C-alpha atoms as a PDB file:
ATOM      1  CA  MET A   1      57.635 -24.048  29.663  1.00  0.00           C
ATOM      2  CA  ILE A   2      60.267 -21.319  29.962  1.00  0.00           C
ATOM      3  CA  THR A   3      63.818 -22.446  30.604  1.00  0.00           C
ATOM      4  CA  ALA A   4      66.569 -20.232  31.973  1.00  0.00           C
ATOM      5  CA  ILE A   5      70.194 -21.144  32.479  1.00  0.00           C
ATOM      6  CA  VAL A   6      71.636 -19.248  35.433  1.00  0.00           C
ATOM      7  CA  LEU A   7      75.401 -18.857  35.843  1.00  0.00           C
ATOM      8  CA  ILE A   8      76.129 -18.364  39.524  1.00  0.00           C
ATOM      9  CA  HIS A   9      79.199 -16.975  41.291  1.00  0.00           C
ATOM     10  CA  VAL A  10      79.398 -18.168  44.901  1.00  0.00           C
ATOM     11  CA  ALA A  11      81.763 -17.584  47.822  1.00  0.00           C
ATOM     12  CA  ALA A  12      84.246 -20.470  47.672  1.00  0.00           C
ATOM     13  CA  ASP A  13      83.489 -21.683  51.182  1.00  0.00           C
ATOM     14  CA  ARG A  14      79.728 -21.848  50.489  1.00  0.00           C
ATOM     15  CA  ILE A  15      79.571 -23.714  47.164  1.00  0.00           C
ATOM     16  CA  PRO A  16      78.190 -27.088  48.402  1.00  0.00           C
ATOM     17  CA  GLU A  17      75.640 -25.487  50.737  1.00  0.00           C
ATOM     18  CA  ALA A  18      74.546 -22.918  48.154  1.00  0.00           C
ATOM     19  CA  ALA A  19      74.214 -25.615  45.488  1.00  0.00           C
ATOM     20  CA  GLN A  20      71.920 -27.686  47.697  1.00  0.00           C
ATOM     21  CA  ALA A  21      69.856 -24.671  48.774  1.00  0.00           C
ATOM     22  CA  ILE A  22      69.398 -23.655  45.134  1.00  0.00           C
ATOM     23  CA  ALA A  23      68.511 -27.219  44.094  1.00  0.00           C
ATOM     24  CA  ASP A  24      65.784 -27.215  46.756  1.00  0.00           C
ATOM     25  CA  LEU A  25      64.060 -24.123  45.318  1.00  0.00           C
ATOM     26  CA  ASP A  26      60.769 -24.539  43.457  1.00  0.00           C
ATOM     27  CA  GLY A  27      61.379 -23.999  39.753  1.00  0.00           C
ATOM     28  CA  VAL A  28      64.998 -25.175  39.816  1.00  0.00           C
ATOM     29  CA  SER A  29      65.305 -28.463  37.957  1.00  0.00           C
ATOM     30  CA  GLU A  30      69.091 -28.998  38.081  1.00  0.00           C
ATOM     31  CA  VAL A  31      72.214 -27.488  39.611  1.00  0.00           C
ATOM     32  CA  TYR A  32      75.741 -28.291  38.440  1.00  0.00           C
ATOM     33  CA  SER A  33      79.009 -27.415  40.138  1.00  0.00           C
ATOM     34  CA  CYS A  34      81.655 -26.762  37.535  1.00  0.00           C
ATOM     35  CA  ALA A  35      85.149 -25.556  36.817  1.00  0.00           C
ATOM     36  CA  GLY A  36      85.733 -22.380  34.884  1.00  0.00           C
ATOM     37  CA  ASP A  37      84.413 -18.846  35.121  1.00  0.00           C
ATOM     38  CA  VAL A  38      81.383 -19.732  37.245  1.00  0.00           C
ATOM     39  CA  ASP A  39      80.909 -21.891  40.319  1.00  0.00           C
ATOM     40  CA  LEU A  40      77.398 -23.230  39.706  1.00  0.00           C
ATOM     41  CA  ILE A  41      74.997 -23.501  36.798  1.00  0.00           C
ATOM     42  CA  ALA A  42      71.286 -23.846  37.534  1.00  0.00           C
ATOM     43  CA  VAL A  43      68.525 -24.777  35.122  1.00  0.00           C
ATOM     44  CA  VAL A  44      65.263 -23.031  35.994  1.00  0.00           C
ATOM     45  CA  LYS A  45      61.990 -24.145  34.404  1.00  0.00           C
ATOM     46  CA  VAL A  46      58.790 -22.172  34.969  1.00  0.00           C
ATOM     47  CA  ALA A  47      55.444 -21.729  33.253  1.00  0.00           C
ATOM     48  CA  GLU A  48      55.478 -17.913  32.991  1.00  0.00           C
ATOM     49  CA  HIS A  49      58.143 -15.223  32.609  1.00  0.00           C
ATOM     50  CA  GLU A  50      57.008 -13.501  35.796  1.00  0.00           C
ATOM     51  CA  GLN A  51      57.972 -16.605  37.751  1.00  0.00           C
ATOM     52  CA  LEU A  52      61.596 -16.173  36.674  1.00  0.00           C
ATOM     53  CA  ALA A  53      61.821 -13.037  38.804  1.00  0.00           C
ATOM     54  CA  ASP A  54      60.340 -14.870  41.773  1.00  0.00           C
ATOM     55  CA  VAL A  55      62.723 -17.801  41.487  1.00  0.00           C
ATOM     56  CA  ILE A  56      65.928 -16.023  40.457  1.00  0.00           C
ATOM     57  CA  ALA A  57      65.767 -12.530  41.947  1.00  0.00           C
ATOM     58  CA  GLY A  58      63.439 -13.423  44.790  1.00  0.00           C
ATOM     59  CA  HIS A  59      65.050 -16.616  46.048  1.00  0.00           C
ATOM     60  CA  LEU A  60      68.119 -17.905  44.195  1.00  0.00           C
ATOM     61  CA  SER A  61      70.095 -14.661  44.373  1.00  0.00           C
ATOM     62  CA  LYS A  62      69.353 -14.424  48.116  1.00  0.00           C
ATOM     63  CA  VAL A  63      70.858 -17.828  48.974  1.00  0.00           C
ATOM     64  CA  GLU A  64      73.732 -17.373  51.418  1.00  0.00           C
ATOM     65  CA  GLY A  65      77.036 -17.198  49.561  1.00  0.00           C
ATOM     66  CA  VAL A  66      75.618 -16.219  46.159  1.00  0.00           C
ATOM     67  CA  ARG A  67      77.551 -13.182  44.955  1.00  0.00           C
ATOM     68  CA  ARG A  68      76.335 -12.700  41.387  1.00  0.00           C
ATOM     69  CA  THR A  69      74.107 -14.331  38.796  1.00  0.00           C
ATOM     70  CA  ASP A  70      73.917 -14.123  35.013  1.00  0.00           C
ATOM     71  CA  THR A  71      70.668 -15.390  33.510  1.00  0.00           C
ATOM     72  CA  HIS A  72      70.221 -16.698  29.955  1.00  0.00           C
ATOM     73  CA  ILE A  73      66.708 -17.465  28.705  1.00  0.00           C
ATOM     74  CA  ALA A  74      66.520 -20.364  26.263  1.00  0.00           C
ATOM     75  CA  PHE A  75      64.585 -19.911  23.016  1.00  0.00           C
ATOM     76  CA  ARG A  76      64.743 -23.470  21.731  1.00  0.00           C
ATOM     77  CA  SER A  77      66.055 -26.803  22.936  1.00  0.00           C
ATOM     78  CA  TYR A  78      68.149 -29.195  20.863  1.00  0.00           C
ATOM     79  CA  SER A  79      69.319 -32.622  21.884  1.00  0.00           C
ATOM     80  CA  ARG A  80      70.586 -35.745  20.205  1.00  0.00           C
ATOM     81  CA  ILE A  81      67.547 -37.689  21.412  1.00  0.00           C
ATOM     82  CA  ASP A  82      65.141 -35.150  19.854  1.00  0.00           C
ATOM     83  CA  THR A  83      67.088 -35.113  16.584  1.00  0.00           C
ATOM     84  CA  GLU A  84      67.169 -38.904  16.315  1.00  0.00           C
ATOM     85  CA  ALA A  85      63.443 -39.104  17.058  1.00  0.00           C
ATOM     86  CA  ALA A  86      62.636 -36.529  14.363  1.00  0.00           C
ATOM     87  CA  PHE A  87      64.581 -38.428  11.714  1.00  0.00           C
ATOM     88  CA  SER A  88      62.985 -41.734  12.613  1.00  0.00           C
ATOM     89  CA  ILE A  89      59.374 -40.571  12.220  1.00  0.00           C
ATOM     90  CA  GLY A  90      57.572 -42.908   9.831  1.00  0.00           C
ATOM     91  CA  LEU A  91      60.329 -45.514   9.845  1.00  0.00           C
ATOM     92  CA  GLU A  92      58.628 -47.795  12.358  1.00  0.00           C
ATOM     93  CA  SER A  93      57.799 -51.222  10.957  1.00  0.00           C
END
């Protein structure tokens, strides 16, 4: 699975509608509205790199109100749950 984090700049009057339209796209697993330099952050998960272009350039960037995107492809995932599970291997009684 390939994961991309997409930072999205949206016209201020279109943020809720754009967020929902992006969340409805195949390949988009989560969309967050946020404060700061970007308006929305989307998590895209696909099986192949070629699908990133379909989802992001082909659909997400064409959602009404989207002005600009900045895509970051994840290499590895870390989470507290994964770390705790790794350190508990073999400790089951």
